[in-house]
Amino acid sequence: MIYCDTCGSGHDPDHPHLAWLDEARQRRHTTQGRFARLISTHVQISGWLCPGATDLYHDPHPSTMLTVDHITPISVGGTNASTNLRVLCELANSYRGARWSASG
């Protein structure tokens, strides 16, 4: 049973006050699908290659651990717009995230 924050009682998942939950799940699913398609397109064009990041002085190299990187992180006002996304390997993405945290 799910408890409604608005009226405080338990309801089935179709309760109208829980509509926000379905919307949040849909947004997350849509974003994950966009990220998967971005990586898939990158692999089709460039293969399993991390393109590197000039802001990290990180040269291109082979990698099977590709992720989507936000050029401007969400935490500092970035968005999921395609112009703010790029493919990097997990190591470069993590390193880049640590640098943003340290400088912010």
C-alpha atoms as a PDB file:
ATOM      1  CA  MET A   1       0.000   0.000   0.000  1.00  0.00           C
ATOM      2  CA  ILE A   2       1.191   3.522  -0.810  1.00  0.00           C
ATOM      3  CA  TYR A   3       0.418   6.347   1.611  1.00  0.00           C
ATOM      4  CA  CYS A   4      -0.713   9.664   0.179  1.00  0.00           C
ATOM      5  CA  ASP A   5       1.182  12.728   1.442  1.00  0.00           C
ATOM      6  CA  THR A   6      -1.828  14.948   0.692  1.00  0.00           C
ATOM      7  CA  CYS A   7      -4.625  13.159   2.544  1.00  0.00           C
ATOM      8  CA  GLY A   8      -2.543  10.810   4.734  1.00  0.00           C
ATOM      9  CA  SER A   9      -4.415   7.603   4.054  1.00  0.00           C
ATOM     10  CA  GLY A  10      -3.324   4.478   2.234  1.00  0.00           C
ATOM     11  CA  HIS A  11      -4.374   4.101  -1.370  1.00  0.00           C
ATOM     12  CA  ASP A  12      -3.864   1.890  -4.341  1.00  0.00           C
ATOM     13  CA  PRO A  13      -1.401   3.136  -7.002  1.00  0.00           C
ATOM     14  CA  ASP A  14      -4.244   4.685  -9.064  1.00  0.00           C
ATOM     15  CA  HIS A  15      -5.147   7.238  -6.366  1.00  0.00           C
ATOM     16  CA  PRO A  16      -5.289  10.739  -7.980  1.00  0.00           C
ATOM     17  CA  HIS A  17      -2.983  12.319  -5.393  1.00  0.00           C
ATOM     18  CA  LEU A  18      -0.235   9.917  -6.526  1.00  0.00           C
ATOM     19  CA  ALA A  19      -0.212  11.112 -10.152  1.00  0.00           C
ATOM     20  CA  TRP A  20       3.094  12.950  -9.547  1.00  0.00           C
ATOM     21  CA  LEU A  21       4.748   9.574  -8.868  1.00  0.00           C
ATOM     22  CA  ASP A  22       3.875   8.267 -12.341  1.00  0.00           C
ATOM     23  CA  GLU A  23       5.060  11.520 -13.927  1.00  0.00           C
ATOM     24  CA  ALA A  24       8.414  11.303 -12.112  1.00  0.00           C
ATOM     25  CA  ARG A  25       8.850   7.669 -13.175  1.00  0.00           C
ATOM     26  CA  GLN A  26       8.042   8.585 -16.785  1.00  0.00           C
ATOM     27  CA  ARG A  27      10.556  11.469 -16.821  1.00  0.00           C
ATOM     28  CA  ARG A  28      13.284   9.196 -15.417  1.00  0.00           C
ATOM     29  CA  HIS A  29      12.489   6.454 -17.956  1.00  0.00           C
ATOM     30  CA  THR A  30      12.514   8.951 -20.839  1.00  0.00           C
ATOM     31  CA  THR A  31      15.861  10.438 -19.736  1.00  0.00           C
ATOM     32  CA  GLN A  32      17.474   7.004 -19.351  1.00  0.00           C
ATOM     33  CA  GLY A  33      16.245   6.071 -22.832  1.00  0.00           C
ATOM     34  CA  ARG A  34      17.720   9.264 -24.320  1.00  0.00           C
ATOM     35  CA  PHE A  35      21.063   8.560 -22.640  1.00  0.00           C
ATOM     36  CA  ALA A  36      21.077   4.964 -23.939  1.00  0.00           C
ATOM     37  CA  ARG A  37      20.327   6.172 -27.482  1.00  0.00           C
ATOM     38  CA  LEU A  38      23.079   8.793 -27.257  1.00  0.00           C
ATOM     39  CA  ILE A  39      25.642   6.145 -26.254  1.00  0.00           C
ATOM     40  CA  SER A  40      24.351   3.725 -28.905  1.00  0.00           C
ATOM     41  CA  THR A  41      24.666   6.372 -31.625  1.00  0.00           C
ATOM     42  CA  HIS A  42      28.159   7.258 -30.440  1.00  0.00           C
ATOM     43  CA  VAL A  43      29.222   3.575 -30.580  1.00  0.00           C
ATOM     44  CA  GLN A  44      27.759   3.163 -34.086  1.00  0.00           C
ATOM     45  CA  ILE A  45      29.703   6.182 -35.351  1.00  0.00           C
ATOM     46  CA  SER A  46      32.946   6.053 -33.339  1.00  0.00           C
ATOM     47  CA  GLY A  47      33.050   2.575 -31.823  1.00  0.00           C
ATOM     48  CA  TRP A  48      33.862   1.961 -28.171  1.00  0.00           C
ATOM     49  CA  LEU A  49      36.024   5.042 -27.884  1.00  0.00           C
ATOM     50  CA  CYS A  50      36.026   7.714 -25.210  1.00  0.00           C
ATOM     51  CA  PRO A  51      36.469  10.911 -27.212  1.00  0.00           C
ATOM     52  CA  GLY A  52      38.368  12.549 -24.380  1.00  0.00           C
ATOM     53  CA  ALA A  53      37.666  15.951 -22.960  1.00  0.00           C
ATOM     54  CA  THR A  54      39.760  18.999 -23.711  1.00  0.00           C
ATOM     55  CA  ASP A  55      38.801  20.534 -20.368  1.00  0.00           C
ATOM     56  CA  LEU A  56      40.443  17.509 -18.683  1.00  0.00           C
ATOM     57  CA  TYR A  57      43.477  17.282 -20.997  1.00  0.00           C
ATOM     58  CA  HIS A  58      42.166  13.771 -21.569  1.00  0.00           C
ATOM     59  CA  ASP A  59      43.053  12.173 -24.927  1.00  0.00           C
ATOM     60  CA  PRO A  60      40.726   9.812 -26.834  1.00  0.00           C
ATOM     61  CA  HIS A  61      41.151   6.142 -25.864  1.00  0.00           C
ATOM     62  CA  PRO A  62      39.318   2.808 -26.155  1.00  0.00           C
ATOM     63  CA  SER A  63      36.702   2.168 -23.461  1.00  0.00           C
ATOM     64  CA  THR A  64      33.710  -0.119 -23.015  1.00  0.00           C
ATOM     65  CA  MET A  65      32.530   1.842 -19.958  1.00  0.00           C
ATOM     66  CA  LEU A  66      30.852   4.771 -21.717  1.00  0.00           C
ATOM     67  CA  THR A  67      28.482   7.114 -19.895  1.00  0.00           C
ATOM     68  CA  VAL A  68      26.643  10.351 -20.608  1.00  0.00           C
ATOM     69  CA  ASP A  69      28.298  13.437 -19.145  1.00  0.00           C
ATOM     70  CA  HIS A  70      26.566  16.754 -18.478  1.00  0.00           C
ATOM     71  CA  ILE A  71      28.880  19.492 -19.745  1.00  0.00           C
ATOM     72  CA  THR A  72      27.359  21.857 -17.176  1.00  0.00           C
ATOM     73  CA  PRO A  73      26.301  19.670 -14.228  1.00  0.00           C
ATOM     74  CA  ILE A  74      22.650  19.574 -13.189  1.00  0.00           C
ATOM     75  CA  SER A  75      23.740  20.665  -9.688  1.00  0.00           C
ATOM     76  CA  VAL A  76      24.935  24.035 -11.017  1.00  0.00           C
ATOM     77  CA  GLY A  77      22.061  24.724 -13.390  1.00  0.00           C
ATOM     78  CA  GLY A  78      22.781  22.408 -16.329  1.00  0.00           C
ATOM     79  CA  THR A  79      19.962  20.601 -18.131  1.00  0.00           C
ATOM     80  CA  ASN A  80      19.360  17.332 -19.969  1.00  0.00           C
ATOM     81  CA  ALA A  81      19.230  19.212 -23.287  1.00  0.00           C
ATOM     82  CA  SER A  82      21.210  17.493 -26.029  1.00  0.00           C
ATOM     83  CA  THR A  83      23.504  20.526 -26.292  1.00  0.00           C
ATOM     84  CA  ASN A  84      24.598  19.910 -22.683  1.00  0.00           C
ATOM     85  CA  LEU A  85      25.327  16.183 -23.092  1.00  0.00           C
ATOM     86  CA  ARG A  86      28.343  14.265 -24.358  1.00  0.00           C
ATOM     87  CA  VAL A  87      29.707  10.735 -24.142  1.00  0.00           C
ATOM     88  CA  LEU A  88      32.741  10.070 -21.930  1.00  0.00           C
ATOM     89  CA  CYS A  89      34.143   6.985 -20.240  1.00  0.00           C
ATOM     90  CA  GLU A  90      33.211   6.464 -16.580  1.00  0.00           C
ATOM     91  CA  LEU A  91      36.710   7.416 -15.396  1.00  0.00           C
ATOM     92  CA  ALA A  92      36.731  10.757 -17.238  1.00  0.00           C
ATOM     93  CA  ASN A  93      33.149  11.504 -16.171  1.00  0.00           C
ATOM     94  CA  SER A  94      33.922  10.741 -12.500  1.00  0.00           C
ATOM     95  CA  TYR A  95      37.125  12.761 -12.567  1.00  0.00           C
ATOM     96  CA  ARG A  96      35.296  15.668 -14.132  1.00  0.00           C
ATOM     97  CA  GLY A  97      32.549  15.479 -11.486  1.00  0.00           C
ATOM     98  CA  ALA A  98      35.135  15.568  -8.716  1.00  0.00           C
ATOM     99  CA  ARG A  99      36.735  18.650 -10.247  1.00  0.00           C
ATOM    100  CA  TRP A 100      33.343  20.468 -10.351  1.00  0.00           C
ATOM    101  CA  SER A 101      32.711  19.574  -6.697  1.00  0.00           C
ATOM    102  CA  ALA A 102      36.141  20.755  -5.612  1.00  0.00           C
ATOM    103  CA  SER A 103      35.860  24.071  -7.462  1.00  0.00           C
ATOM    104  CA  GLY A 104      32.251  24.782  -6.459  1.00  0.00           C
END
